[in-house]
Amino acid sequence: MARLWEADPSALFVKRLGKSAAELGNSEDEEKCPDIWQLDNGDIAIIGRDLTSVYASCLPDGVSIGLGERLVVIPGNMLSAAKVDIPDA
């Protein structure tokens, strides 16, 4: 069965949502830091720590990590800073 949504690997980075990790005090190394980006097709790219194997055995009911998916964690202040760039539904 086909997935209802599929990531488009040809989509390009358009703009950062929120502030950089350095601006938020979450990173001293610009080459290795969490980030949130809007892609040119409207999808969102998240760069964070891969904790898939840590959380895989303790996910809440109804939550699963599909084949080809990873669970990443970013600092909470990073998502809060991005709120101004995320339109209301």
Protein backbone atom coordinates (compact mmCIF):
# COMPACT_ATOMS: atom_id res chain seq x y z
CA MET A 1 0.00 0.00 0.00
CA ALA A 2 1.31 3.46 -0.91
CA ARG A 3 1.92 5.99 1.82
CA LEU A 4 -0.40 9.00 1.90
CA TRP A 5 2.60 11.32 2.26
CA GLU A 6 6.14 10.83 1.06
CA ALA A 7 9.13 13.09 1.59
CA ASP A 8 10.44 14.65 -1.62
CA PRO A 9 14.24 14.33 -1.68
CA SER A 10 14.45 16.97 -4.44
CA ALA A 11 12.95 19.71 -2.21
CA LEU A 12 15.38 22.51 -1.39
CA PHE A 13 15.98 24.48 1.80
CA VAL A 14 14.20 27.85 1.69
CA LYS A 15 14.43 29.43 5.14
CA ARG A 16 15.31 28.69 8.73
CA LEU A 17 12.35 28.69 11.09
CA GLY A 18 13.19 30.48 14.31
CA LYS A 19 16.77 31.10 15.39
CA SER A 20 19.99 29.18 14.90
CA ALA A 21 21.28 26.90 17.64
CA ALA A 22 24.14 29.32 18.24
CA GLU A 23 21.73 32.25 18.69
CA LEU A 24 19.79 30.21 21.27
CA GLY A 25 22.91 29.08 23.14
CA ASN A 26 22.38 25.42 22.18
CA SER A 27 25.59 24.98 20.20
CA GLU A 28 29.09 26.34 19.95
CA ASP A 29 29.80 24.37 16.76
CA GLU A 30 27.96 25.69 13.70
CA GLU A 31 28.74 22.45 11.83
CA LYS A 32 26.96 20.16 14.32
CA CYS A 33 23.81 21.71 15.66
CA PRO A 34 20.03 21.23 15.66
CA ASP A 35 17.95 23.26 13.24
CA ILE A 36 14.47 23.65 11.71
CA TRP A 37 14.04 24.53 8.02
CA GLN A 38 11.16 25.06 5.63
CA LEU A 39 11.63 23.37 2.26
CA ASP A 40 10.48 24.84 -1.06
CA ASN A 41 7.54 22.40 -1.20
CA GLY A 42 6.27 23.50 2.24
CA ASP A 43 7.60 20.48 4.13
CA ILE A 44 9.75 20.97 7.23
CA ALA A 45 13.23 19.53 7.78
CA ILE A 46 14.39 18.93 11.37
CA ILE A 47 18.03 18.38 12.27
CA GLY A 48 18.38 16.89 15.73
CA ARG A 49 19.82 14.07 17.79
CA ASP A 50 18.75 10.64 16.54
CA LEU A 51 17.18 8.92 19.56
CA THR A 52 15.16 6.35 17.62
CA SER A 53 16.72 3.36 19.37
CA VAL A 54 16.32 4.97 22.81
CA TYR A 55 12.60 5.70 22.44
CA ALA A 56 11.55 2.78 20.17
CA SER A 57 10.63 0.51 23.08
CA CYS A 58 8.66 3.09 25.08
CA LEU A 59 6.51 4.96 22.57
CA PRO A 60 2.98 5.92 23.67
CA ASP A 61 0.04 3.85 22.41
CA GLY A 62 -0.78 4.67 18.82
CA VAL A 63 2.71 6.02 18.06
CA SER A 64 5.13 4.13 15.84
CA ILE A 65 8.31 4.74 13.91
CA GLY A 66 7.94 3.48 10.36
CA LEU A 67 10.51 1.98 8.08
CA GLY A 68 12.77 4.78 6.90
CA GLU A 69 11.73 7.11 9.74
CA ARG A 70 13.84 8.36 12.64
CA LEU A 71 12.85 10.00 15.91
CA VAL A 72 14.93 13.14 16.44
CA VAL A 73 15.04 15.43 19.44
CA ILE A 74 15.70 19.18 19.35
CA PRO A 75 15.89 21.69 22.21
CA GLY A 76 12.49 22.97 23.31
CA ASN A 77 13.61 26.59 23.06
CA MET A 78 14.36 26.01 19.36
CA LEU A 79 10.76 25.04 18.59
CA SER A 80 9.46 27.92 20.73
CA ALA A 81 11.65 30.37 18.78
CA ALA A 82 10.28 28.98 15.50
CA LYS A 83 6.66 29.64 16.53
CA VAL A 84 6.68 33.11 14.96
CA ASP A 85 7.60 31.59 11.58
CA ILE A 86 4.96 28.83 11.66
CA PRO A 87 1.55 29.84 10.29
CA ASP A 88 -1.62 28.94 12.17
CA ALA A 89 -3.56 26.00 10.75
